[in-house]
Amino acid sequence: MSESPQVRPDVVAAIVSALKETDPSNLPTDATRAEKDAAKDQYLSSLVAGRAQRDRQARAWELLLTRSHDDPPSWAQLFDELPESSLAELGGLYDALPEGAQTEYVRRFGTPVTA
């Protein structure tokens, strides 16, 4: 029975960094197949997570911007215009809201409980 190779976190981090920066100059020359696979998995997972967060942010903006405005609206004005039906979903997207919207949400409804 063969032992699975040891994965060095610093090597995985260096590979992920090289992938993100698209700069192969800092790639470790002694990386094992297991370390390369772990780095690839970590890199792809971060891409998927980033995409999911951008989708959540886009949905939050869709809920907040219920109509066009001549001048930039305040957070209070945007929340005043929210339909009641959007509030629960907006609370579920709290972490994707911009800081000003989070502040206004907490002022009006308190910090939402996340699951």
PDB file of N, CA and C in Angstrom:
ATOM      1  N   MET A   1       0.854  -1.178   0.000  1.00  0.00           N
ATOM      2  CA  MET A   1       0.000   0.000   0.000  1.00  0.00           C
ATOM      3  C   MET A   1       0.898   1.238   0.000  1.00  0.00           C
ATOM      4  N   SER A   2       0.655   2.132  -0.939  1.00  0.00           N
ATOM      5  CA  SER A   2       1.469   3.339  -1.019  1.00  0.00           C
ATOM      6  C   SER A   2       0.790   4.474  -0.279  1.00  0.00           C
ATOM      7  N   GLU A   3       1.617   5.327   0.310  1.00  0.00           N
ATOM      8  CA  GLU A   3       1.105   6.484   1.026  1.00  0.00           C
ATOM      9  C   GLU A   3       0.777   7.586   0.033  1.00  0.00           C
ATOM     10  N   SER A   4      -0.292   8.349   0.295  1.00  0.00           N
ATOM     11  CA  SER A   4      -0.598   9.473  -0.576  1.00  0.00           C
ATOM     12  C   SER A   4       0.434  10.566  -0.314  1.00  0.00           C
ATOM     13  N   PRO A   5       0.832  11.271  -1.359  1.00  0.00           N
ATOM     14  CA  PRO A   5       1.875  12.286  -1.194  1.00  0.00           C
ATOM     15  C   PRO A   5       1.412  13.425  -0.293  1.00  0.00           C
ATOM     16  N   GLN A   6       2.374  13.976   0.423  1.00  0.00           N
ATOM     17  CA  GLN A   6       2.114  15.108   1.314  1.00  0.00           C
ATOM     18  C   GLN A   6       1.889  16.366   0.466  1.00  0.00           C
ATOM     19  N   VAL A   7       0.836  17.096   0.763  1.00  0.00           N
ATOM     20  CA  VAL A   7       0.553  18.348   0.058  1.00  0.00           C
ATOM     21  C   VAL A   7       1.022  19.496   0.939  1.00  0.00           C
ATOM     22  N   ARG A   8       1.951  20.269   0.437  1.00  0.00           N
ATOM     23  CA  ARG A   8       2.507  21.400   1.175  1.00  0.00           C
ATOM     24  C   ARG A   8       1.649  22.642   0.887  1.00  0.00           C
ATOM     25  N   PRO A   9       1.029  23.205   1.925  1.00  0.00           N
ATOM     26  CA  PRO A   9       0.151  24.374   1.730  1.00  0.00           C
ATOM     27  C   PRO A   9       0.849  25.559   1.064  1.00  0.00           C
ATOM     28  N   ASP A  10       2.133  25.781   1.378  1.00  0.00           N
ATOM     29  CA  ASP A  10       2.842  26.912   0.789  1.00  0.00           C
ATOM     30  C   ASP A  10       3.044  26.732  -0.714  1.00  0.00           C
ATOM     31  N   VAL A  11       3.232  25.489  -1.142  1.00  0.00           N
ATOM     32  CA  VAL A  11       3.395  25.213  -2.567  1.00  0.00           C
ATOM     33  C   VAL A  11       2.059  25.407  -3.280  1.00  0.00           C
ATOM     34  N   VAL A  12       0.973  24.922  -2.669  1.00  0.00           N
ATOM     35  CA  VAL A  12      -0.366  25.100  -3.246  1.00  0.00           C
ATOM     36  C   VAL A  12      -0.684  26.589  -3.355  1.00  0.00           C
ATOM     37  N   ALA A  13      -0.377  27.339  -2.305  1.00  0.00           N
ATOM     38  CA  ALA A  13      -0.637  28.788  -2.315  1.00  0.00           C
ATOM     39  C   ALA A  13       0.173  29.476  -3.411  1.00  0.00           C
ATOM     40  N   ALA A  14       1.412  29.060  -3.614  1.00  0.00           N
ATOM     41  CA  ALA A  14       2.254  29.668  -4.654  1.00  0.00           C
ATOM     42  C   ALA A  14       1.690  29.377  -6.047  1.00  0.00           C
ATOM     43  N   ILE A  15       1.193  28.176  -6.243  1.00  0.00           N
ATOM     44  CA  ILE A  15       0.602  27.818  -7.551  1.00  0.00           C
ATOM     45  C   ILE A  15      -0.665  28.631  -7.782  1.00  0.00           C
ATOM     46  N   VAL A  16      -1.524  28.721  -6.771  1.00  0.00           N
ATOM     47  CA  VAL A  16      -2.768  29.498  -6.892  1.00  0.00           C
ATOM     48  C   VAL A  16      -2.433  30.958  -7.191  1.00  0.00           C
ATOM     49  N   SER A  17      -1.461  31.490  -6.508  1.00  0.00           N
ATOM     50  CA  SER A  17      -1.044  32.876  -6.745  1.00  0.00           C
ATOM     51  C   SER A  17      -0.578  33.067  -8.187  1.00  0.00           C
ATOM     52  N   ALA A  18       0.199  32.133  -8.687  1.00  0.00           N
ATOM     53  CA  ALA A  18       0.670  32.220 -10.070  1.00  0.00           C
ATOM     54  C   ALA A  18      -0.499  32.160 -11.052  1.00  0.00           C
ATOM     55  N   LEU A  19      -1.487  31.338 -10.742  1.00  0.00           N
ATOM     56  CA  LEU A  19      -2.670  31.254 -11.610  1.00  0.00           C
ATOM     57  C   LEU A  19      -3.460  32.554 -11.596  1.00  0.00           C
ATOM     58  N   LYS A  20      -3.664  33.113 -10.410  1.00  0.00           N
ATOM     59  CA  LYS A  20      -4.443  34.351 -10.294  1.00  0.00           C
ATOM     60  C   LYS A  20      -3.737  35.524 -10.950  1.00  0.00           C
ATOM     61  N   GLU A  21      -2.425  35.563 -10.815  1.00  0.00           N
ATOM     62  CA  GLU A  21      -1.654  36.682 -11.355  1.00  0.00           C
ATOM     63  C   GLU A  21      -1.199  36.433 -12.791  1.00  0.00           C
ATOM     64  N   THR A  22      -1.536  35.252 -13.312  1.00  0.00           N
ATOM     65  CA  THR A  22      -1.083  34.809 -14.640  1.00  0.00           C
ATOM     66  C   THR A  22       0.401  35.088 -14.840  1.00  0.00           C
ATOM     67  N   ASP A  23       1.172  34.750 -13.808  1.00  0.00           N
ATOM     68  CA  ASP A  23       2.617  34.940 -13.833  1.00  0.00           C
ATOM     69  C   ASP A  23       3.296  33.639 -13.415  1.00  0.00           C
ATOM     70  N   PRO A  24       3.778  32.877 -14.374  1.00  0.00           N
ATOM     71  CA  PRO A  24       4.391  31.589 -14.044  1.00  0.00           C
ATOM     72  C   PRO A  24       5.798  31.689 -13.455  1.00  0.00           C
ATOM     73  N   SER A  25       6.347  32.887 -13.328  1.00  0.00           N
ATOM     74  CA  SER A  25       7.731  33.023 -12.860  1.00  0.00           C
ATOM     75  C   SER A  25       7.931  32.514 -11.435  1.00  0.00           C
ATOM     76  N   ASN A  26       6.887  32.520 -10.616  1.00  0.00           N
ATOM     77  CA  ASN A  26       7.027  32.073  -9.227  1.00  0.00           C
ATOM     78  C   ASN A  26       6.500  30.672  -8.985  1.00  0.00           C
ATOM     79  N   LEU A  27       6.245  29.924 -10.053  1.00  0.00           N
ATOM     80  CA  LEU A  27       5.775  28.553  -9.880  1.00  0.00           C
ATOM     81  C   LEU A  27       6.872  27.700  -9.252  1.00  0.00           C
ATOM     82  N   PRO A  28       6.520  26.944  -8.222  1.00  0.00           N
ATOM     83  CA  PRO A  28       7.509  26.057  -7.613  1.00  0.00           C
ATOM     84  C   PRO A  28       7.885  24.935  -8.590  1.00  0.00           C
ATOM     85  N   THR A  29       9.160  24.703  -8.747  1.00  0.00           N
ATOM     86  CA  THR A  29       9.614  23.678  -9.703  1.00  0.00           C
ATOM     87  C   THR A  29       9.457  22.269  -9.157  1.00  0.00           C
ATOM     88  N   ASP A  30       9.334  22.143  -7.842  1.00  0.00           N
ATOM     89  CA  ASP A  30       9.250  20.803  -7.244  1.00  0.00           C
ATOM     90  C   ASP A  30       7.825  20.421  -6.844  1.00  0.00           C
ATOM     91  N   ALA A  31       6.819  21.087  -7.388  1.00  0.00           N
ATOM     92  CA  ALA A  31       5.427  20.789  -7.040  1.00  0.00           C
ATOM     93  C   ALA A  31       5.061  19.381  -7.506  1.00  0.00           C
ATOM     94  N   THR A  32       4.368  18.671  -6.632  1.00  0.00           N
ATOM     95  CA  THR A  32       3.919  17.322  -6.966  1.00  0.00           C
ATOM     96  C   THR A  32       2.586  17.384  -7.709  1.00  0.00           C
ATOM     97  N   ARG A  33       2.198  16.286  -8.306  1.00  0.00           N
ATOM     98  CA  ARG A  33       0.902  16.204  -8.995  1.00  0.00           C
ATOM     99  C   ARG A  33      -0.216  16.500  -8.004  1.00  0.00           C
ATOM    100  N   ALA A  34      -0.130  15.993  -6.783  1.00  0.00           N
ATOM    101  CA  ALA A  34      -1.168  16.226  -5.764  1.00  0.00           C
ATOM    102  C   ALA A  34      -1.268  17.710  -5.424  1.00  0.00           C
ATOM    103  N   GLU A  35      -0.127  18.387  -5.352  1.00  0.00           N
ATOM    104  CA  GLU A  35      -0.136  19.826  -5.052  1.00  0.00           C
ATOM    105  C   GLU A  35      -0.714  20.623  -6.211  1.00  0.00           C
ATOM    106  N   LYS A  36      -0.393  20.241  -7.413  1.00  0.00           N
ATOM    107  CA  LYS A  36      -0.953  20.908  -8.593  1.00  0.00           C
ATOM    108  C   LYS A  36      -2.463  20.708  -8.648  1.00  0.00           C
ATOM    109  N   ASP A  37      -2.907  19.482  -8.361  1.00  0.00           N
ATOM    110  CA  ASP A  37      -4.349  19.206  -8.358  1.00  0.00           C
ATOM    111  C   ASP A  37      -5.061  19.983  -7.260  1.00  0.00           C
ATOM    112  N   ALA A  38      -4.448  20.055  -6.074  1.00  0.00           N
ATOM    113  CA  ALA A  38      -5.055  20.807  -4.968  1.00  0.00           C
ATOM    114  C   ALA A  38      -5.142  22.288  -5.314  1.00  0.00           C
ATOM    115  N   ALA A  39      -4.110  22.813  -5.959  1.00  0.00           N
ATOM    116  CA  ALA A  39      -4.115  24.224  -6.360  1.00  0.00           C
ATOM    117  C   ALA A  39      -5.183  24.482  -7.406  1.00  0.00           C
ATOM    118  N   LYS A  40      -5.290  23.593  -8.360  1.00  0.00           N
ATOM    119  CA  LYS A  40      -6.313  23.748  -9.403  1.00  0.00           C
ATOM    120  C   LYS A  40      -7.710  23.740  -8.775  1.00  0.00           C
ATOM    121  N   ASP A  41      -7.954  22.814  -7.860  1.00  0.00           N
ATOM    122  CA  ASP A  41      -9.256  22.756  -7.180  1.00  0.00           C
ATOM    123  C   ASP A  41      -9.536  24.035  -6.398  1.00  0.00           C
ATOM    124  N   GLN A  42      -8.526  24.527  -5.677  1.00  0.00           N
ATOM    125  CA  GLN A  42      -8.697  25.760  -4.889  1.00  0.00           C
ATOM    126  C   GLN A  42      -8.957  26.951  -5.801  1.00  0.00           C
ATOM    127  N   TYR A  43      -8.230  27.041  -6.892  1.00  0.00           N
ATOM    128  CA  TYR A  43      -8.390  28.147  -7.841  1.00  0.00           C
ATOM    129  C   TYR A  43      -9.780  28.130  -8.470  1.00  0.00           C
ATOM    130  N   LEU A  44     -10.202  26.965  -8.941  1.00  0.00           N
ATOM    131  CA  LEU A  44     -11.522  26.861  -9.572  1.00  0.00           C
ATOM    132  C   LEU A  44     -12.648  27.127  -8.569  1.00  0.00           C
ATOM    133  N   SER A  45     -12.470  26.676  -7.339  1.00  0.00           N
ATOM    134  CA  SER A  45     -13.472  26.945  -6.303  1.00  0.00           C
ATOM    135  C   SER A  45     -13.598  28.438  -6.035  1.00  0.00           C
ATOM    136  N   SER A  46     -12.470  29.142  -6.036  1.00  0.00           N
ATOM    137  CA  SER A  46     -12.533  30.587  -5.803  1.00  0.00           C
ATOM    138  C   SER A  46     -13.227  31.298  -6.961  1.00  0.00           C
ATOM    139  N   LEU A  47     -13.024  30.803  -8.182  1.00  0.00           N
ATOM    140  CA  LEU A  47     -13.716  31.404  -9.326  1.00  0.00           C
ATOM    141  C   LEU A  47     -15.228  31.219  -9.219  1.00  0.00           C
ATOM    142  N   VAL A  48     -15.642  30.013  -8.853  1.00  0.00           N
ATOM    143  CA  VAL A  48     -17.074  29.730  -8.713  1.00  0.00           C
ATOM    144  C   VAL A  48     -17.669  30.571  -7.587  1.00  0.00           C
ATOM    145  N   ALA A  49     -16.966  30.655  -6.468  1.00  0.00           N
ATOM    146  CA  ALA A  49     -17.458  31.456  -5.342  1.00  0.00           C
ATOM    147  C   ALA A  49     -17.556  32.925  -5.722  1.00  0.00           C
ATOM    148  N   GLY A  50     -16.577  33.425  -6.454  1.00  0.00           N
ATOM    149  CA  GLY A  50     -16.616  34.816  -6.903  1.00  0.00           C
ATOM    150  C   GLY A  50     -17.778  35.081  -7.827  1.00  0.00           C
ATOM    151  N   ARG A  51     -18.044  34.144  -8.706  1.00  0.00           N
ATOM    152  CA  ARG A  51     -19.170  34.277  -9.639  1.00  0.00           C
ATOM    153  C   ARG A  51     -20.493  34.278  -8.887  1.00  0.00           C
ATOM    154  N   ALA A  52     -20.622  33.386  -7.917  1.00  0.00           N
ATOM    155  CA  ALA A  52     -21.855  33.310  -7.125  1.00  0.00           C
ATOM    156  C   ALA A  52     -22.078  34.616  -6.364  1.00  0.00           C
ATOM    157  N   GLN A  53     -21.008  35.184  -5.805  1.00  0.00           N
ATOM    158  CA  GLN A  53     -21.140  36.456  -5.071  1.00  0.00           C
ATOM    159  C   GLN A  53     -21.526  37.589  -6.026  1.00  0.00           C
ATOM    160  N   ARG A  54     -20.959  37.615  -7.216  1.00  0.00           N
ATOM    161  CA  ARG A  54     -21.327  38.659  -8.194  1.00  0.00           C
ATOM    162  C   ARG A  54     -22.797  38.507  -8.597  1.00  0.00           C
ATOM    163  N   ASP A  55     -23.269  37.280  -8.739  1.00  0.00           N
ATOM    164  CA  ASP A  55     -24.679  37.052  -9.056  1.00  0.00           C
ATOM    165  C   ASP A  55     -25.575  37.559  -7.927  1.00  0.00           C
ATOM    166  N   ARG A  56     -25.156  37.320  -6.695  1.00  0.00           N
ATOM    167  CA  ARG A  56     -25.933  37.795  -5.538  1.00  0.00           C
ATOM    168  C   ARG A  56     -25.942  39.324  -5.488  1.00  0.00           C
ATOM    169  N   GLN A  57     -24.796  39.936  -5.790  1.00  0.00           N
ATOM    170  CA  GLN A  57     -24.731  41.399  -5.800  1.00  0.00           C
ATOM    171  C   GLN A  57     -25.631  41.975  -6.890  1.00  0.00           C
ATOM    172  N   ALA A  58     -25.628  41.349  -8.055  1.00  0.00           N
ATOM    173  CA  ALA A  58     -26.488  41.826  -9.147  1.00  0.00           C
ATOM    174  C   ALA A  58     -27.957  41.727  -8.747  1.00  0.00           C
ATOM    175  N   ARG A  59     -28.331  40.627  -8.101  1.00  0.00           N
ATOM    176  CA  ARG A  59     -29.726  40.465  -7.680  1.00  0.00           C
ATOM    177  C   ARG A  59     -30.091  41.505  -6.622  1.00  0.00           C
ATOM    178  N   ALA A  60     -29.181  41.785  -5.711  1.00  0.00           N
ATOM    179  CA  ALA A  60     -29.446  42.810  -4.691  1.00  0.00           C
ATOM    180  C   ALA A  60     -29.704  44.162  -5.350  1.00  0.00           C
ATOM    181  N   TRP A  61     -28.895  44.511  -6.348  1.00  0.00           N
ATOM    182  CA  TRP A  61     -29.106  45.781  -7.055  1.00  0.00           C
ATOM    183  C   TRP A  61     -30.437  45.789  -7.793  1.00  0.00           C
ATOM    184  N   GLU A  62     -30.820  44.653  -8.369  1.00  0.00           N
ATOM    185  CA  GLU A  62     -32.127  44.576  -9.049  1.00  0.00           C
ATOM    186  C   GLU A  62     -33.256  44.882  -8.075  1.00  0.00           C
ATOM    187  N   LEU A  63     -33.148  44.378  -6.860  1.00  0.00           N
ATOM    188  CA  LEU A  63     -34.181  44.639  -5.858  1.00  0.00           C
ATOM    189  C   LEU A  63     -34.165  46.091  -5.393  1.00  0.00           C
ATOM    190  N   LEU A  64     -32.978  46.651  -5.241  1.00  0.00           N
ATOM    191  CA  LEU A  64     -32.865  48.021  -4.734  1.00  0.00           C
ATOM    192  C   LEU A  64     -33.300  49.068  -5.755  1.00  0.00           C
ATOM    193  N   LEU A  65     -32.980  48.829  -7.006  1.00  0.00           N
ATOM    194  CA  LEU A  65     -33.278  49.826  -8.045  1.00  0.00           C
ATOM    195  C   LEU A  65     -34.608  49.496  -8.711  1.00  0.00           C
ATOM    196  N   THR A  66     -35.682  49.932  -8.062  1.00  0.00           N
ATOM    197  CA  THR A  66     -37.022  49.611  -8.547  1.00  0.00           C
ATOM    198  C   THR A  66     -37.495  50.555  -9.652  1.00  0.00           C
ATOM    199  N   ARG A  67     -36.803  51.682  -9.807  1.00  0.00           N
ATOM    200  CA  ARG A  67     -37.168  52.636 -10.857  1.00  0.00           C
ATOM    201  C   ARG A  67     -35.948  53.499 -11.170  1.00  0.00           C
ATOM    202  N   SER A  68     -36.022  54.235 -12.260  1.00  0.00           N
ATOM    203  CA  SER A  68     -34.909  55.132 -12.598  1.00  0.00           C
ATOM    204  C   SER A  68     -35.063  56.443 -11.826  1.00  0.00           C
ATOM    205  N   HIS A  69     -33.956  57.106 -11.629  1.00  0.00           N
ATOM    206  CA  HIS A  69     -33.933  58.361 -10.887  1.00  0.00           C
ATOM    207  C   HIS A  69     -33.188  59.406 -11.711  1.00  0.00           C
ATOM    208  N   ASP A  70     -33.644  60.657 -11.618  1.00  0.00           N
ATOM    209  CA  ASP A  70     -32.945  61.749 -12.298  1.00  0.00           C
ATOM    210  C   ASP A  70     -31.623  62.054 -11.612  1.00  0.00           C
ATOM    211  N   ASP A  71     -31.631  62.052 -10.290  1.00  0.00           N
ATOM    212  CA  ASP A  71     -30.429  62.290  -9.496  1.00  0.00           C
ATOM    213  C   ASP A  71     -30.137  61.022  -8.693  1.00  0.00           C
ATOM    214  N   PRO A  72     -28.888  60.814  -8.326  1.00  0.00           N
ATOM    215  CA  PRO A  72     -28.579  59.624  -7.524  1.00  0.00           C
ATOM    216  C   PRO A  72     -29.393  59.622  -6.233  1.00  0.00           C
ATOM    217  N   PRO A  73     -30.126  58.532  -5.968  1.00  0.00           N
ATOM    218  CA  PRO A  73     -30.948  58.468  -4.757  1.00  0.00           C
ATOM    219  C   PRO A  73     -30.102  58.129  -3.535  1.00  0.00           C
ATOM    220  N   SER A  74     -30.613  58.478  -2.375  1.00  0.00           N
ATOM    221  CA  SER A  74     -29.963  58.097  -1.121  1.00  0.00           C
ATOM    222  C   SER A  74     -30.369  56.654  -0.805  1.00  0.00           C
ATOM    223  N   TRP A  75     -29.626  56.039   0.111  1.00  0.00           N
ATOM    224  CA  TRP A  75     -30.003  54.683   0.527  1.00  0.00           C
ATOM    225  C   TRP A  75     -31.394  54.706   1.158  1.00  0.00           C
ATOM    226  N   ALA A  76     -31.680  55.740   1.930  1.00  0.00           N
ATOM    227  CA  ALA A  76     -33.003  55.844   2.559  1.00  0.00           C
ATOM    228  C   ALA A  76     -34.094  55.899   1.500  1.00  0.00           C
ATOM    229  N   GLN A  77     -33.862  56.665   0.446  1.00  0.00           N
ATOM    230  CA  GLN A  77     -34.854  56.767  -0.624  1.00  0.00           C
ATOM    231  C   GLN A  77     -35.052  55.414  -1.312  1.00  0.00           C
ATOM    232  N   LEU A  78     -33.964  54.712  -1.582  1.00  0.00           N
ATOM    233  CA  LEU A  78     -34.093  53.397  -2.220  1.00  0.00           C
ATOM    234  C   LEU A  78     -34.896  52.436  -1.343  1.00  0.00           C
ATOM    235  N   PHE A  79     -34.635  52.470  -0.038  1.00  0.00           N
ATOM    236  CA  PHE A  79     -35.364  51.585   0.860  1.00  0.00           C
ATOM    237  C   PHE A  79     -36.820  52.013   1.002  1.00  0.00           C
ATOM    238  N   ASP A  80     -37.095  53.318   0.928  1.00  0.00           N
ATOM    239  CA  ASP A  80     -38.481  53.791   0.972  1.00  0.00           C
ATOM    240  C   ASP A  80     -39.282  53.255  -0.215  1.00  0.00           C
ATOM    241  N   GLU A  81     -38.615  53.074  -1.337  1.00  0.00           N
ATOM    242  CA  GLU A  81     -39.283  52.632  -2.566  1.00  0.00           C
ATOM    243  C   GLU A  81     -39.406  51.114  -2.683  1.00  0.00           C
ATOM    244  N   LEU A  82     -38.807  50.382  -1.778  1.00  0.00           N
ATOM    245  CA  LEU A  82     -38.827  48.917  -1.879  1.00  0.00           C
ATOM    246  C   LEU A  82     -40.230  48.358  -1.674  1.00  0.00           C
ATOM    247  N   PRO A  83     -40.641  47.462  -2.548  1.00  0.00           N
ATOM    248  CA  PRO A  83     -41.909  46.775  -2.288  1.00  0.00           C
ATOM    249  C   PRO A  83     -41.742  45.822  -1.101  1.00  0.00           C
ATOM    250  N   GLU A  84     -42.765  45.663  -0.336  1.00  0.00           N
ATOM    251  CA  GLU A  84     -42.750  44.770   0.836  1.00  0.00           C
ATOM    252  C   GLU A  84     -42.295  43.364   0.446  1.00  0.00           C
ATOM    253  N   SER A  85     -42.657  42.950  -0.752  1.00  0.00           N
ATOM    254  CA  SER A  85     -42.319  41.594  -1.206  1.00  0.00           C
ATOM    255  C   SER A  85     -40.821  41.382  -1.407  1.00  0.00           C
ATOM    256  N   SER A  86     -40.038  42.448  -1.486  1.00  0.00           N
ATOM    257  CA  SER A  86     -38.589  42.334  -1.711  1.00  0.00           C
ATOM    258  C   SER A  86     -37.786  42.235  -0.420  1.00  0.00           C
ATOM    259  N   LEU A  87     -38.379  42.571   0.706  1.00  0.00           N
ATOM    260  CA  LEU A  87     -37.615  42.684   1.945  1.00  0.00           C
ATOM    261  C   LEU A  87     -36.996  41.367   2.403  1.00  0.00           C
ATOM    262  N   ALA A  88     -37.739  40.284   2.361  1.00  0.00           N
ATOM    263  CA  ALA A  88     -37.195  39.001   2.813  1.00  0.00           C
ATOM    264  C   ALA A  88     -36.022  38.574   1.941  1.00  0.00           C
ATOM    265  N   GLU A  89     -36.172  38.716   0.629  1.00  0.00           N
ATOM    266  CA  GLU A  89     -35.086  38.327  -0.269  1.00  0.00           C
ATOM    267  C   GLU A  89     -33.869  39.219  -0.061  1.00  0.00           C
ATOM    268  N   LEU A  90     -34.112  40.512   0.147  1.00  0.00           N
ATOM    269  CA  LEU A  90     -33.016  41.442   0.371  1.00  0.00           C
ATOM    270  C   LEU A  90     -32.258  41.084   1.652  1.00  0.00           C
ATOM    271  N   GLY A  91     -32.974  40.676   2.677  1.00  0.00           N
ATOM    272  CA  GLY A  91     -32.319  40.230   3.910  1.00  0.00           C
ATOM    273  C   GLY A  91     -31.436  39.017   3.672  1.00  0.00           C
ATOM    274  N   GLY A  92     -31.879  38.131   2.789  1.00  0.00           N
ATOM    275  CA  GLY A  92     -31.084  36.959   2.438  1.00  0.00           C
ATOM    276  C   GLY A  92     -29.847  37.301   1.634  1.00  0.00           C
ATOM    277  N   LEU A  93     -29.857  38.470   1.022  1.00  0.00           N
ATOM    278  CA  LEU A  93     -28.708  38.928   0.225  1.00  0.00           C
ATOM    279  C   LEU A  93     -27.869  39.953   0.984  1.00  0.00           C
ATOM    280  N   TYR A  94     -28.102  40.074   2.287  1.00  0.00           N
ATOM    281  CA  TYR A  94     -27.459  41.110   3.093  1.00  0.00           C
ATOM    282  C   TYR A  94     -25.949  41.174   2.874  1.00  0.00           C
ATOM    283  N   ASP A  95     -25.282  40.031   2.842  1.00  0.00           N
ATOM    284  CA  ASP A  95     -23.822  40.024   2.689  1.00  0.00           C
ATOM    285  C   ASP A  95     -23.372  40.523   1.324  1.00  0.00           C
ATOM    286  N   ALA A  96     -24.263  40.537   0.345  1.00  0.00           N
ATOM    287  CA  ALA A  96     -23.925  41.006  -1.002  1.00  0.00           C
ATOM    288  C   ALA A  96     -24.266  42.486  -1.202  1.00  0.00           C
ATOM    289  N   LEU A  97     -24.917  43.104  -0.222  1.00  0.00           N
ATOM    290  CA  LEU A  97     -25.292  44.512  -0.337  1.00  0.00           C
ATOM    291  C   LEU A  97     -24.074  45.410  -0.166  1.00  0.00           C
ATOM    292  N   PRO A  98     -24.051  46.549  -0.844  1.00  0.00           N
ATOM    293  CA  PRO A  98     -22.997  47.536  -0.585  1.00  0.00           C
ATOM    294  C   PRO A  98     -23.095  48.018   0.861  1.00  0.00           C
ATOM    295  N   GLU A  99     -22.008  48.559   1.377  1.00  0.00           N
ATOM    296  CA  GLU A  99     -21.943  48.968   2.782  1.00  0.00           C
ATOM    297  C   GLU A  99     -23.064  49.935   3.165  1.00  0.00           C
ATOM    298  N   GLY A 100     -23.348  50.918   2.326  1.00  0.00           N
ATOM    299  CA  GLY A 100     -24.412  51.874   2.631  1.00  0.00           C
ATOM    300  C   GLY A 100     -25.774  51.217   2.723  1.00  0.00           C
ATOM    301  N   ALA A 101     -26.027  50.252   1.863  1.00  0.00           N
ATOM    302  CA  ALA A 101     -27.302  49.531   1.897  1.00  0.00           C
ATOM    303  C   ALA A 101     -27.379  48.645   3.142  1.00  0.00           C
ATOM    304  N   GLN A 102     -26.253  48.049   3.521  1.00  0.00           N
ATOM    305  CA  GLN A 102     -26.250  47.249   4.754  1.00  0.00           C
ATOM    306  C   GLN A 102     -26.574  48.129   5.962  1.00  0.00           C
ATOM    307  N   THR A 103     -25.980  49.306   6.006  1.00  0.00           N
ATOM    308  CA  THR A 103     -26.224  50.230   7.115  1.00  0.00           C
ATOM    309  C   THR A 103     -27.704  50.613   7.177  1.00  0.00           C
ATOM    310  N   GLU A 104     -28.281  50.926   6.032  1.00  0.00           N
ATOM    311  CA  GLU A 104     -29.699  51.309   5.999  1.00  0.00           C
ATOM    312  C   GLU A 104     -30.588  50.124   6.362  1.00  0.00           C
ATOM    313  N   TYR A 105     -30.221  48.935   5.897  1.00  0.00           N
ATOM    314  CA  TYR A 105     -31.006  47.745   6.223  1.00  0.00           C
ATOM    315  C   TYR A 105     -31.018  47.536   7.745  1.00  0.00           C
ATOM    316  N   VAL A 106     -29.839  47.601   8.366  1.00  0.00           N
ATOM    317  CA  VAL A 106     -29.737  47.398   9.819  1.00  0.00           C
ATOM    318  C   VAL A 106     -30.504  48.478  10.564  1.00  0.00           C
ATOM    319  N   ARG A 107     -30.425  49.714  10.097  1.00  0.00           N
ATOM    320  CA  ARG A 107     -31.150  50.815  10.747  1.00  0.00           C
ATOM    321  C   ARG A 107     -32.649  50.544  10.747  1.00  0.00           C
ATOM    322  N   ARG A 108     -33.145  50.010   9.664  1.00  0.00           N
ATOM    323  CA  ARG A 108     -34.589  49.793   9.539  1.00  0.00           C
ATOM    324  C   ARG A 108     -35.069  48.469  10.140  1.00  0.00           C
ATOM    325  N   PHE A 109     -34.287  47.411   9.923  1.00  0.00           N
ATOM    326  CA  PHE A 109     -34.800  46.070  10.248  1.00  0.00           C
ATOM    327  C   PHE A 109     -33.917  45.283  11.210  1.00  0.00           C
ATOM    328  N   GLY A 110     -32.763  45.796  11.555  1.00  0.00           N
ATOM    329  CA  GLY A 110     -31.822  45.045  12.379  1.00  0.00           C
ATOM    330  C   GLY A 110     -30.968  44.138  11.503  1.00  0.00           C
ATOM    331  N   THR A 111     -29.967  43.567  12.084  1.00  0.00           N
ATOM    332  CA  THR A 111     -29.081  42.675  11.341  1.00  0.00           C
ATOM    333  C   THR A 111     -29.803  41.360  11.070  1.00  0.00           C
ATOM    334  N   PRO A 112     -29.848  40.926   9.814  1.00  0.00           N
ATOM    335  CA  PRO A 112     -30.547  39.683   9.514  1.00  0.00           C
ATOM    336  C   PRO A 112     -29.800  38.479  10.067  1.00  0.00           C
ATOM    337  N   VAL A 113     -30.536  37.473  10.451  1.00  0.00           N
ATOM    338  CA  VAL A 113     -29.963  36.225  10.938  1.00  0.00           C
ATOM    339  C   VAL A 113     -29.622  35.380   9.721  1.00  0.00           C
ATOM    340  N   THR A 114     -28.366  34.966   9.617  1.00  0.00           N
ATOM    341  CA  THR A 114     -27.961  34.140   8.488  1.00  0.00           C
ATOM    342  C   THR A 114     -27.987  32.682   8.893  1.00  0.00           C
ATOM    343  N   ALA A 115     -28.322  31.862   7.920  1.00  0.00           N
ATOM    344  CA  ALA A 115     -28.417  30.419   8.196  1.00  0.00           C
ATOM    345  C   ALA A 115     -27.083  29.754   8.062  1.00  0.00           C
TER     346      ALA A 115
END
